[in-house]
Full PDB file with SEQRES, HELIX, SHEET, SSBOND, CRYST1, ORIGX, SCALE, CONECT and MASTER records, all heavy atoms in Angstrom:
SEQRES   1 A   38  GLU LEU GLU GLU LYS ARG LEU ASP VAL LEU TYR SER TYR          
SEQRES   2 A   38  LEU GLN LEU ASP THR ALA ARG ASP ALA ALA PHE GLU LEU          
SEQRES   3 A   38  LEU ALA GLU ALA ALA ALA GLU ILE CYS GLN VAL PRO              
HELIX    1 AA1 LEU A    2  SER A   12  1                                  11    
HELIX    2 AA2 ALA A   22  CYS A   35  1                                  14    
CRYST1    1.000    1.000    1.000  90.00  90.00  90.00 P 1           1          
ORIGX1      1.000000  0.000000  0.000000        0.00000                         
ORIGX2      0.000000  1.000000  0.000000        0.00000                         
ORIGX3      0.000000  0.000000  1.000000        0.00000                         
SCALE1      1.000000  0.000000  0.000000        0.00000                         
SCALE2      0.000000  1.000000  0.000000        0.00000                         
SCALE3      0.000000  0.000000  1.000000        0.00000                         
ATOM      1  N   GLU A   1       0.818  -1.209   0.000  1.00  0.00           N  
ATOM      2  CA  GLU A   1       0.000   0.000   0.000  1.00  0.00           C  
ATOM      3  C   GLU A   1       0.857   1.267   0.000  1.00  0.00           C  
ATOM      4  O   GLU A   1       0.460   2.298  -0.550  1.00  0.00           O  
ATOM      5  CB  GLU A   1      -0.961   0.020   1.189  1.00  0.00           C  
ATOM      6  CG  GLU A   1      -0.306  -0.046   2.568  1.00  0.00           C  
ATOM      7  CD  GLU A   1      -0.129  -1.482   3.067  1.00  0.00           C  
ATOM      8  OE1 GLU A   1      -0.163  -2.413   2.232  1.00  0.00           O  
ATOM      9  OE2 GLU A   1       0.035  -1.644   4.289  1.00  0.00           O  
ATOM     10  N   LEU A   2       2.080   1.217   0.581  1.00  0.00           N  
ATOM     11  CA  LEU A   2       2.969   2.371   0.560  1.00  0.00           C  
ATOM     12  C   LEU A   2       3.504   2.598  -0.851  1.00  0.00           C  
ATOM     13  O   LEU A   2       3.632   3.741  -1.294  1.00  0.00           O  
ATOM     14  CB  LEU A   2       4.124   2.176   1.548  1.00  0.00           C  
ATOM     15  CG  LEU A   2       5.079   3.362   1.695  1.00  0.00           C  
ATOM     16  CD1 LEU A   2       4.321   4.607   2.131  1.00  0.00           C  
ATOM     17  CD2 LEU A   2       6.184   3.043   2.697  1.00  0.00           C  
ATOM     18  N   GLU A   3       3.814   1.517  -1.548  1.00  0.00           N  
ATOM     19  CA  GLU A   3       4.266   1.636  -2.931  1.00  0.00           C  
ATOM     20  C   GLU A   3       3.156   2.216  -3.795  1.00  0.00           C  
ATOM     21  O   GLU A   3       3.408   3.045  -4.685  1.00  0.00           O  
ATOM     22  CB  GLU A   3       4.700   0.267  -3.466  1.00  0.00           C  
ATOM     23  CG  GLU A   3       4.991   0.217  -4.965  1.00  0.00           C  
ATOM     24  CD  GLU A   3       6.163   1.069  -5.421  1.00  0.00           C  
ATOM     25  OE1 GLU A   3       6.763   1.785  -4.590  1.00  0.00           O  
ATOM     26  OE2 GLU A   3       6.496   1.021  -6.613  1.00  0.00           O  
ATOM     27  N   GLU A   4       1.923   1.833  -3.553  1.00  0.00           N  
ATOM     28  CA  GLU A   4       0.812   2.394  -4.321  1.00  0.00           C  
ATOM     29  C   GLU A   4       0.676   3.892  -4.055  1.00  0.00           C  
ATOM     30  O   GLU A   4       0.397   4.663  -4.972  1.00  0.00           O  
ATOM     31  CB  GLU A   4      -0.494   1.670  -3.986  1.00  0.00           C  
ATOM     32  CG  GLU A   4      -0.555   0.233  -4.465  1.00  0.00           C  
ATOM     33  CD  GLU A   4      -0.344   0.113  -5.962  1.00  0.00           C  
ATOM     34  OE1 GLU A   4      -0.931   0.920  -6.720  1.00  0.00           O  
ATOM     35  OE2 GLU A   4       0.415  -0.780  -6.388  1.00  0.00           O  
ATOM     36  N   LYS A   5       0.876   4.297  -2.816  1.00  0.00           N  
ATOM     37  CA  LYS A   5       0.823   5.725  -2.506  1.00  0.00           C  
ATOM     38  C   LYS A   5       1.953   6.464  -3.203  1.00  0.00           C  
ATOM     39  O   LYS A   5       1.767   7.578  -3.715  1.00  0.00           O  
ATOM     40  CB  LYS A   5       0.899   5.937  -0.988  1.00  0.00           C  
ATOM     41  CG  LYS A   5      -0.349   5.494  -0.229  1.00  0.00           C  
ATOM     42  CD  LYS A   5      -0.197   5.747   1.261  1.00  0.00           C  
ATOM     43  CE  LYS A   5      -1.437   5.272   2.025  1.00  0.00           C  
ATOM     44  NZ  LYS A   5      -1.292   5.471   3.493  1.00  0.00           N  
ATOM     45  N   ARG A   6       3.152   5.838  -3.201  1.00  0.00           N  
ATOM     46  CA  ARG A   6       4.291   6.457  -3.884  1.00  0.00           C  
ATOM     47  C   ARG A   6       3.996   6.653  -5.360  1.00  0.00           C  
ATOM     48  O   ARG A   6       4.276   7.704  -5.946  1.00  0.00           O  
ATOM     49  CB  ARG A   6       5.540   5.586  -3.705  1.00  0.00           C  
ATOM     50  CG  ARG A   6       6.836   6.223  -4.223  1.00  0.00           C  
ATOM     51  CD  ARG A   6       7.968   5.222  -4.316  1.00  0.00           C  
ATOM     52  NE  ARG A   6       7.758   4.311  -5.446  1.00  0.00           N  
ATOM     53  CZ  ARG A   6       8.080   4.604  -6.708  1.00  0.00           C  
ATOM     54  NH1 ARG A   6       8.615   5.781  -6.996  1.00  0.00           N  
ATOM     55  NH2 ARG A   6       7.868   3.742  -7.673  1.00  0.00           N  
ATOM     56  N   LEU A   7       3.404   5.634  -5.984  1.00  0.00           N  
ATOM     57  CA  LEU A   7       3.067   5.728  -7.402  1.00  0.00           C  
ATOM     58  C   LEU A   7       1.996   6.783  -7.646  1.00  0.00           C  
ATOM     59  O   LEU A   7       2.054   7.520  -8.631  1.00  0.00           O  
ATOM     60  CB  LEU A   7       2.611   4.366  -7.927  1.00  0.00           C  
ATOM     61  CG  LEU A   7       3.707   3.303  -8.034  1.00  0.00           C  
ATOM     62  CD1 LEU A   7       3.095   1.935  -8.314  1.00  0.00           C  
ATOM     63  CD2 LEU A   7       4.718   3.667  -9.119  1.00  0.00           C  
ATOM     64  N   ASP A   8       1.030   6.872  -6.748  1.00  0.00           N  
ATOM     65  CA  ASP A   8       0.004   7.901  -6.882  1.00  0.00           C  
ATOM     66  C   ASP A   8       0.631   9.291  -6.861  1.00  0.00           C  
ATOM     67  O   ASP A   8       0.243  10.176  -7.632  1.00  0.00           O  
ATOM     68  CB  ASP A   8      -1.032   7.781  -5.757  1.00  0.00           C  
ATOM     69  CG  ASP A   8      -1.960   6.592  -5.934  1.00  0.00           C  
ATOM     70  OD1 ASP A   8      -2.029   6.050  -7.053  1.00  0.00           O  
ATOM     71  OD2 ASP A   8      -2.607   6.200  -4.945  1.00  0.00           O  
ATOM     72  N   VAL A   9       1.586   9.483  -5.956  1.00  0.00           N  
ATOM     73  CA  VAL A   9       2.276  10.764  -5.876  1.00  0.00           C  
ATOM     74  C   VAL A   9       3.058  11.024  -7.162  1.00  0.00           C  
ATOM     75  O   VAL A   9       3.013  12.122  -7.724  1.00  0.00           O  
ATOM     76  CB  VAL A   9       3.204  10.807  -4.648  1.00  0.00           C  
ATOM     77  CG1 VAL A   9       4.071  12.063  -4.683  1.00  0.00           C  
ATOM     78  CG2 VAL A   9       2.396  10.757  -3.364  1.00  0.00           C  
ATOM     79  N   LEU A  10       3.769  10.026  -7.641  1.00  0.00           N  
ATOM     80  CA  LEU A  10       4.520  10.155  -8.886  1.00  0.00           C  
ATOM     81  C   LEU A  10       3.602  10.562 -10.033  1.00  0.00           C  
ATOM     82  O   LEU A  10       3.888  11.505 -10.782  1.00  0.00           O  
ATOM     83  CB  LEU A  10       5.214   8.834  -9.210  1.00  0.00           C  
ATOM     84  CG  LEU A  10       5.837   8.718 -10.611  1.00  0.00           C  
ATOM     85  CD1 LEU A  10       6.956   9.737 -10.798  1.00  0.00           C  
ATOM     86  CD2 LEU A  10       6.348   7.305 -10.853  1.00  0.00           C  
ATOM     87  N   TYR A  11       2.486   9.864 -10.167  1.00  0.00           N  
ATOM     88  CA  TYR A  11       1.573  10.137 -11.277  1.00  0.00           C  
ATOM     89  C   TYR A  11       0.933  11.515 -11.158  1.00  0.00           C  
ATOM     90  O   TYR A  11       0.568  12.126 -12.165  1.00  0.00           O  
ATOM     91  CB  TYR A  11       0.489   9.067 -11.343  1.00  0.00           C  
ATOM     92  CG  TYR A  11       1.009   7.658 -11.576  1.00  0.00           C  
ATOM     93  CD1 TYR A  11       0.316   6.551 -11.094  1.00  0.00           C  
ATOM     94  CD2 TYR A  11       2.220   7.438 -12.239  1.00  0.00           C  
ATOM     95  CE1 TYR A  11       0.789   5.263 -11.290  1.00  0.00           C  
ATOM     96  CE2 TYR A  11       2.697   6.148 -12.441  1.00  0.00           C  
ATOM     97  CZ  TYR A  11       1.987   5.062 -11.960  1.00  0.00           C  
ATOM     98  OH  TYR A  11       2.471   3.791 -12.153  1.00  0.00           O  
ATOM     99  N   SER A  12       0.798  12.000  -9.933  1.00  0.00           N  
ATOM    100  CA  SER A  12       0.148  13.299  -9.737  1.00  0.00           C  
ATOM    101  C   SER A  12       0.954  14.436 -10.348  1.00  0.00           C  
ATOM    102  O   SER A  12       0.393  15.491 -10.679  1.00  0.00           O  
ATOM    103  CB  SER A  12      -0.080  13.567  -8.247  1.00  0.00           C  
ATOM    104  OG  SER A  12       1.144  13.842  -7.574  1.00  0.00           O  
ATOM    105  N   TYR A  13       2.249  14.235 -10.534  1.00  0.00           N  
ATOM    106  CA  TYR A  13       3.087  15.283 -11.117  1.00  0.00           C  
ATOM    107  C   TYR A  13       2.985  15.327 -12.636  1.00  0.00           C  
ATOM    108  O   TYR A  13       3.428  16.299 -13.259  1.00  0.00           O  
ATOM    109  CB  TYR A  13       4.548  15.077 -10.700  1.00  0.00           C  
ATOM    110  CG  TYR A  13       4.814  15.416  -9.251  1.00  0.00           C  
ATOM    111  CD1 TYR A  13       5.065  14.424  -8.316  1.00  0.00           C  
ATOM    112  CD2 TYR A  13       4.803  16.738  -8.809  1.00  0.00           C  
ATOM    113  CE1 TYR A  13       5.295  14.729  -6.981  1.00  0.00           C  
ATOM    114  CE2 TYR A  13       5.039  17.061  -7.486  1.00  0.00           C  
ATOM    115  CZ  TYR A  13       5.284  16.041  -6.577  1.00  0.00           C  
ATOM    116  OH  TYR A  13       5.512  16.356  -5.263  1.00  0.00           O  
ATOM    117  N   LEU A  14       2.441  14.270 -13.263  1.00  0.00           N  
ATOM    118  CA  LEU A  14       2.215  14.229 -14.715  1.00  0.00           C  
ATOM    119  C   LEU A  14       3.491  14.510 -15.503  1.00  0.00           C  
ATOM    120  O   LEU A  14       3.485  15.252 -16.491  1.00  0.00           O  
ATOM    121  CB  LEU A  14       1.133  15.240 -15.100  1.00  0.00           C  
ATOM    122  CG  LEU A  14      -0.242  15.033 -14.462  1.00  0.00           C  
ATOM    123  CD1 LEU A  14      -1.171  16.190 -14.799  1.00  0.00           C  
ATOM    124  CD2 LEU A  14      -0.840  13.714 -14.915  1.00  0.00           C  
ATOM    125  N   GLN A  15       4.591  13.899 -15.073  1.00  0.00           N  
ATOM    126  CA  GLN A  15       5.868  14.113 -15.750  1.00  0.00           C  
ATOM    127  C   GLN A  15       6.341  12.917 -16.563  1.00  0.00           C  
ATOM    128  O   GLN A  15       7.257  13.046 -17.378  1.00  0.00           O  
ATOM    129  CB  GLN A  15       6.943  14.488 -14.723  1.00  0.00           C  
ATOM    130  CG  GLN A  15       6.800  15.887 -14.152  1.00  0.00           C  
ATOM    131  CD  GLN A  15       6.916  16.954 -15.221  1.00  0.00           C  
ATOM    132  OE1 GLN A  15       7.908  17.025 -15.943  1.00  0.00           O  
ATOM    133  NE2 GLN A  15       5.887  17.784 -15.338  1.00  0.00           N  
ATOM    134  N   LEU A  16       5.742  11.770 -16.354  1.00  0.00           N  
ATOM    135  CA  LEU A  16       6.136  10.598 -17.137  1.00  0.00           C  
ATOM    136  C   LEU A  16       5.774  10.811 -18.602  1.00  0.00           C  
ATOM    137  O   LEU A  16       4.699  11.330 -18.927  1.00  0.00           O  
ATOM    138  CB  LEU A  16       5.441   9.344 -16.602  1.00  0.00           C  
ATOM    139  CG  LEU A  16       5.952   8.797 -15.268  1.00  0.00           C  
ATOM    140  CD1 LEU A  16       4.979   7.762 -14.720  1.00  0.00           C  
ATOM    141  CD2 LEU A  16       7.339   8.198 -15.411  1.00  0.00           C  
ATOM    142  N   ASP A  17       6.685  10.406 -19.485  1.00  0.00           N  
ATOM    143  CA  ASP A  17       6.430  10.441 -20.939  1.00  0.00           C  
ATOM    144  C   ASP A  17       6.135  11.843 -21.458  1.00  0.00           C  
ATOM    145  O   ASP A  17       5.398  12.001 -22.426  1.00  0.00           O  
ATOM    146  CB  ASP A  17       5.279   9.493 -21.295  1.00  0.00           C  
ATOM    147  CG  ASP A  17       5.549   8.061 -20.851  1.00  0.00           C  
ATOM    148  OD1 ASP A  17       6.615   7.528 -21.207  1.00  0.00           O  
ATOM    149  OD2 ASP A  17       4.710   7.489 -20.139  1.00  0.00           O  
ATOM    150  N   THR A  18       6.743  12.842 -20.831  1.00  0.00           N  
ATOM    151  CA  THR A  18       6.582  14.212 -21.311  1.00  0.00           C  
ATOM    152  C   THR A  18       7.683  14.554 -22.304  1.00  0.00           C  
ATOM    153  O   THR A  18       8.671  13.827 -22.444  1.00  0.00           O  
ATOM    154  CB  THR A  18       6.618  15.204 -20.138  1.00  0.00           C  
ATOM    155  OG1 THR A  18       7.784  14.929 -19.334  1.00  0.00           O  
ATOM    156  CG2 THR A  18       5.379  15.065 -19.280  1.00  0.00           C  
ATOM    157  N   ALA A  19       7.517  15.664 -22.994  1.00  0.00           N  
ATOM    158  CA  ALA A  19       8.504  16.094 -23.984  1.00  0.00           C  
ATOM    159  C   ALA A  19       9.795  16.524 -23.293  1.00  0.00           C  
ATOM    160  O   ALA A  19       9.836  16.750 -22.079  1.00  0.00           O  
ATOM    161  CB  ALA A  19       7.936  17.245 -24.805  1.00  0.00           C  
ATOM    162  N   ARG A  20      10.844  16.634 -24.085  1.00  0.00           N  
ATOM    163  CA  ARG A  20      12.127  17.085 -23.545  1.00  0.00           C  
ATOM    164  C   ARG A  20      11.970  18.457 -22.920  1.00  0.00           C  
ATOM    165  O   ARG A  20      11.217  19.289 -23.388  1.00  0.00           O  
ATOM    166  CB  ARG A  20      13.176  17.142 -24.653  1.00  0.00           C  
ATOM    167  CG  ARG A  20      13.611  15.780 -25.160  1.00  0.00           C  
ATOM    168  CD  ARG A  20      14.793  15.921 -26.105  1.00  0.00           C  
ATOM    169  NE  ARG A  20      15.932  16.559 -25.436  1.00  0.00           N  
ATOM    170  CZ  ARG A  20      17.082  16.833 -26.052  1.00  0.00           C  
ATOM    171  NH1 ARG A  20      17.230  16.563 -27.338  1.00  0.00           N  
ATOM    172  NH2 ARG A  20      18.083  17.397 -25.405  1.00  0.00           N  
ATOM    173  N   ASP A  21      12.712  18.673 -21.853  1.00  0.00           N  
ATOM    174  CA  ASP A  21      12.628  19.926 -21.108  1.00  0.00           C  
ATOM    175  C   ASP A  21      14.058  20.401 -20.868  1.00  0.00           C  
ATOM    176  O   ASP A  21      14.850  19.742 -20.197  1.00  0.00           O  
ATOM    177  CB  ASP A  21      11.901  19.687 -19.779  1.00  0.00           C  
ATOM    178  CG  ASP A  21      11.600  20.975 -19.027  1.00  0.00           C  
ATOM    179  OD1 ASP A  21      12.459  21.872 -19.018  1.00  0.00           O  
ATOM    180  OD2 ASP A  21      10.506  21.072 -18.441  1.00  0.00           O  
ATOM    181  N   ALA A  22      14.391  21.564 -21.424  1.00  0.00           N  
ATOM    182  CA  ALA A  22      15.766  22.065 -21.361  1.00  0.00           C  
ATOM    183  C   ALA A  22      16.256  22.268 -19.928  1.00  0.00           C  
ATOM    184  O   ALA A  22      17.442  22.100 -19.644  1.00  0.00           O  
ATOM    185  CB  ALA A  22      15.873  23.373 -22.136  1.00  0.00           C  
ATOM    186  N   ALA A  23      15.349  22.618 -19.020  1.00  0.00           N  
ATOM    187  CA  ALA A  23      15.753  22.853 -17.631  1.00  0.00           C  
ATOM    188  C   ALA A  23      16.234  21.568 -16.971  1.00  0.00           C  
ATOM    189  O   ALA A  23      17.235  21.558 -16.235  1.00  0.00           O  
ATOM    190  CB  ALA A  23      14.596  23.453 -16.847  1.00  0.00           C  
ATOM    191  N   PHE A  24      15.565  20.446 -17.237  1.00  0.00           N  
ATOM    192  CA  PHE A  24      16.011  19.164 -16.698  1.00  0.00           C  
ATOM    193  C   PHE A  24      17.309  18.712 -17.379  1.00  0.00           C  
ATOM    194  O   PHE A  24      18.183  18.136 -16.735  1.00  0.00           O  
ATOM    195  CB  PHE A  24      14.920  18.103 -16.876  1.00  0.00           C  
ATOM    196  CG  PHE A  24      13.762  18.250 -15.937  1.00  0.00           C  
ATOM    197  CD1 PHE A  24      12.602  18.888 -16.338  1.00  0.00           C  
ATOM    198  CD2 PHE A  24      13.828  17.759 -14.643  1.00  0.00           C  
ATOM    199  CE1 PHE A  24      11.522  19.032 -15.478  1.00  0.00           C  
ATOM    200  CE2 PHE A  24      12.761  17.897 -13.765  1.00  0.00           C  
ATOM    201  CZ  PHE A  24      11.603  18.547 -14.185  1.00  0.00           C  
ATOM    202  N   GLU A  25      17.414  18.976 -18.670  1.00  0.00           N  
ATOM    203  CA  GLU A  25      18.643  18.630 -19.391  1.00  0.00           C  
ATOM    204  C   GLU A  25      19.840  19.372 -18.795  1.00  0.00           C  
ATOM    205  O   GLU A  25      20.932  18.813 -18.658  1.00  0.00           O  
ATOM    206  CB  GLU A  25      18.499  18.989 -20.879  1.00  0.00           C  
ATOM    207  CG  GLU A  25      17.417  18.236 -21.616  1.00  0.00           C  
ATOM    208  CD  GLU A  25      17.808  16.809 -21.951  1.00  0.00           C  
ATOM    209  OE1 GLU A  25      18.987  16.462 -21.796  1.00  0.00           O  
ATOM    210  OE2 GLU A  25      16.919  16.034 -22.363  1.00  0.00           O  
ATOM    211  N   LEU A  26      19.616  20.628 -18.417  1.00  0.00           N  
ATOM    212  CA  LEU A  26      20.700  21.417 -17.839  1.00  0.00           C  
ATOM    213  C   LEU A  26      21.151  20.850 -16.497  1.00  0.00           C  
ATOM    214  O   LEU A  26      22.361  20.818 -16.194  1.00  0.00           O  
ATOM    215  CB  LEU A  26      20.241  22.870 -17.668  1.00  0.00           C  
ATOM    216  CG  LEU A  26      21.299  23.861 -17.163  1.00  0.00           C  
ATOM    217  CD1 LEU A  26      22.484  23.913 -18.127  1.00  0.00           C  
ATOM    218  CD2 LEU A  26      20.688  25.250 -16.992  1.00  0.00           C  
ATOM    219  N   LEU A  27      20.209  20.371 -15.701  1.00  0.00           N  
ATOM    220  CA  LEU A  27      20.572  19.753 -14.420  1.00  0.00           C  
ATOM    221  C   LEU A  27      21.411  18.496 -14.639  1.00  0.00           C  
ATOM    222  O   LEU A  27      22.380  18.242 -13.917  1.00  0.00           O  
ATOM    223  CB  LEU A  27      19.315  19.432 -13.617  1.00  0.00           C  
ATOM    224  CG  LEU A  27      18.585  20.620 -12.979  1.00  0.00           C  
ATOM    225  CD1 LEU A  27      17.263  20.161 -12.386  1.00  0.00           C  
ATOM    226  CD2 LEU A  27      19.458  21.269 -11.908  1.00  0.00           C  
ATOM    227  N   ALA A  28      21.030  17.691 -15.632  1.00  0.00           N  
ATOM    228  CA  ALA A  28      21.806  16.489 -15.938  1.00  0.00           C  
ATOM    229  C   ALA A  28      23.207  16.864 -16.416  1.00  0.00           C  
ATOM    230  O   ALA A  28      24.200  16.224 -16.040  1.00  0.00           O  
ATOM    231  CB  ALA A  28      21.075  15.657 -16.991  1.00  0.00           C  
ATOM    232  N   GLU A  29      23.297  17.900 -17.247  1.00  0.00           N  
ATOM    233  CA  GLU A  29      24.603  18.349 -17.732  1.00  0.00           C  
ATOM    234  C   GLU A  29      25.475  18.836 -16.577  1.00  0.00           C  
ATOM    235  O   GLU A  29      26.688  18.553 -16.532  1.00  0.00           O  
ATOM    236  CB  GLU A  29      24.415  19.464 -18.755  1.00  0.00           C  
ATOM    237  CG  GLU A  29      23.804  19.005 -20.074  1.00  0.00           C  
ATOM    238  CD  GLU A  29      23.483  20.167 -20.998  1.00  0.00           C  
ATOM    239  OE1 GLU A  29      23.920  21.299 -20.684  1.00  0.00           O  
ATOM    240  OE2 GLU A  29      22.805  19.949 -22.012  1.00  0.00           O  
ATOM    241  N   ALA A  30      24.863  19.557 -15.639  1.00  0.00           N  
ATOM    242  CA  ALA A  30      25.622  20.045 -14.487  1.00  0.00           C  
ATOM    243  C   ALA A  30      26.130  18.878 -13.649  1.00  0.00           C  
ATOM    244  O   ALA A  30      27.291  18.882 -13.188  1.00  0.00           O  
ATOM    245  CB  ALA A  30      24.746  20.969 -13.642  1.00  0.00           C  
ATOM    246  N   ALA A  31      25.300  17.869 -13.450  1.00  0.00           N  
ATOM    247  CA  ALA A  31      25.715  16.697 -12.676  1.00  0.00           C  
ATOM    248  C   ALA A  31      26.868  15.978 -13.351  1.00  0.00           C  
ATOM    249  O   ALA A  31      27.836  15.574 -12.688  1.00  0.00           O  
ATOM    250  CB  ALA A  31      24.531  15.745 -12.503  1.00  0.00           C  
ATOM    251  N   ALA A  32      26.802  15.812 -14.673  1.00  0.00           N  
ATOM    252  CA  ALA A  32      27.874  15.135 -15.400  1.00  0.00           C  
ATOM    253  C   ALA A  32      29.172  15.927 -15.323  1.00  0.00           C  
ATOM    254  O   ALA A  32      30.258  15.356 -15.154  1.00  0.00           O  
ATOM    255  CB  ALA A  32      27.458  14.927 -16.858  1.00  0.00           C  
ATOM    256  N   GLU A  33      29.059  17.250 -15.431  1.00  0.00           N  
ATOM    257  CA  GLU A  33      30.248  18.098 -15.406  1.00  0.00           C  
ATOM    258  C   GLU A  33      30.902  18.075 -14.029  1.00  0.00           C  
ATOM    259  O   GLU A  33      32.130  17.938 -13.906  1.00  0.00           O  
ATOM    260  CB  GLU A  33      29.846  19.519 -15.782  1.00  0.00           C  
ATOM    261  CG  GLU A  33      30.988  20.518 -15.775  1.00  0.00           C  
ATOM    262  CD  GLU A  33      31.993  20.281 -16.888  1.00  0.00           C  
ATOM    263  OE1 GLU A  33      31.620  19.654 -17.910  1.00  0.00           O  
ATOM    264  OE2 GLU A  33      33.159  20.712 -16.720  1.00  0.00           O  
ATOM    265  N   ILE A  34      30.106  18.220 -12.982  1.00  0.00           N  
ATOM    266  CA  ILE A  34      30.649  18.270 -11.625  1.00  0.00           C  
ATOM    267  C   ILE A  34      31.269  16.939 -11.221  1.00  0.00           C  
ATOM    268  O   ILE A  34      32.315  16.892 -10.562  1.00  0.00           O  
ATOM    269  CB  ILE A  34      29.541  18.673 -10.639  1.00  0.00           C  
ATOM    270  CG1 ILE A  34      29.170  20.139 -10.871  1.00  0.00           C  
ATOM    271  CG2 ILE A  34      29.948  18.438  -9.194  1.00  0.00           C  
ATOM    272  CD1 ILE A  34      27.899  20.583 -10.196  1.00  0.00           C  
ATOM    273  N   CYS A  35      30.636  15.852 -11.623  1.00  0.00           N  
ATOM    274  CA  CYS A  35      31.125  14.530 -11.233  1.00  0.00           C  
ATOM    275  C   CYS A  35      32.124  13.952 -12.242  1.00  0.00           C  
ATOM    276  O   CYS A  35      32.653  12.855 -12.024  1.00  0.00           O  
ATOM    277  CB  CYS A  35      29.946  13.572 -11.064  1.00  0.00           C  
ATOM    278  SG  CYS A  35      28.824  14.049  -9.728  1.00  0.00           S  
ATOM    279  N   GLN A  36      32.334  14.672 -13.341  1.00  0.00           N  
ATOM    280  CA  GLN A  36      33.298  14.252 -14.360  1.00  0.00           C  
ATOM    281  C   GLN A  36      33.012  12.842 -14.868  1.00  0.00           C  
ATOM    282  O   GLN A  36      33.865  11.957 -14.822  1.00  0.00           O  
ATOM    283  CB  GLN A  36      34.729  14.349 -13.801  1.00  0.00           C  
ATOM    284  CG  GLN A  36      35.180  15.772 -13.501  1.00  0.00           C  
ATOM    285  CD  GLN A  36      35.295  16.629 -14.760  1.00  0.00           C  
ATOM    286  OE1 GLN A  36      36.160  16.392 -15.594  1.00  0.00           O  
ATOM    287  NE2 GLN A  36      34.408  17.614 -14.887  1.00  0.00           N  
ATOM    288  N   VAL A  37      31.793  12.667 -15.349  1.00  0.00           N  
ATOM    289  CA  VAL A  37      31.361  11.359 -15.854  1.00  0.00           C  
ATOM    290  C   VAL A  37      30.704  11.540 -17.226  1.00  0.00           C  
ATOM    291  O   VAL A  37      30.236  12.629 -17.567  1.00  0.00           O  
ATOM    292  CB  VAL A  37      30.352  10.697 -14.891  1.00  0.00           C  
ATOM    293  CG1 VAL A  37      31.012  10.357 -13.559  1.00  0.00           C  
ATOM    294  CG2 VAL A  37      29.138  11.602 -14.673  1.00  0.00           C  
ATOM    295  N   PRO A  38      30.659  10.485 -18.036  1.00  0.00           N  
ATOM    296  CA  PRO A  38      30.034  10.587 -19.357  1.00  0.00           C  
ATOM    297  C   PRO A  38      28.510  10.452 -19.332  1.00  0.00           C  
ATOM    298  O   PRO A  38      27.860  10.758 -20.328  1.00  0.00           O  
ATOM    299  CB  PRO A  38      30.654   9.421 -20.130  1.00  0.00           C  
ATOM    300  CG  PRO A  38      30.966   8.408 -19.073  1.00  0.00           C  
ATOM    301  CD  PRO A  38      31.362   9.192 -17.861  1.00  0.00           C  
TER     302      PRO A  38                                                      
MASTER        0    0    0    2    0    0    0    6  301    1    0    3          
END                                                                             
């Protein structure tokens, strides 16, 4: 039941299967740069 609640919360944000978002891409780029990983 806790996993179901977690999934409900996840779905409430309506972010799954959305289009590319430059702001999220920038966060990923920053993480790769800071951690020096590909």
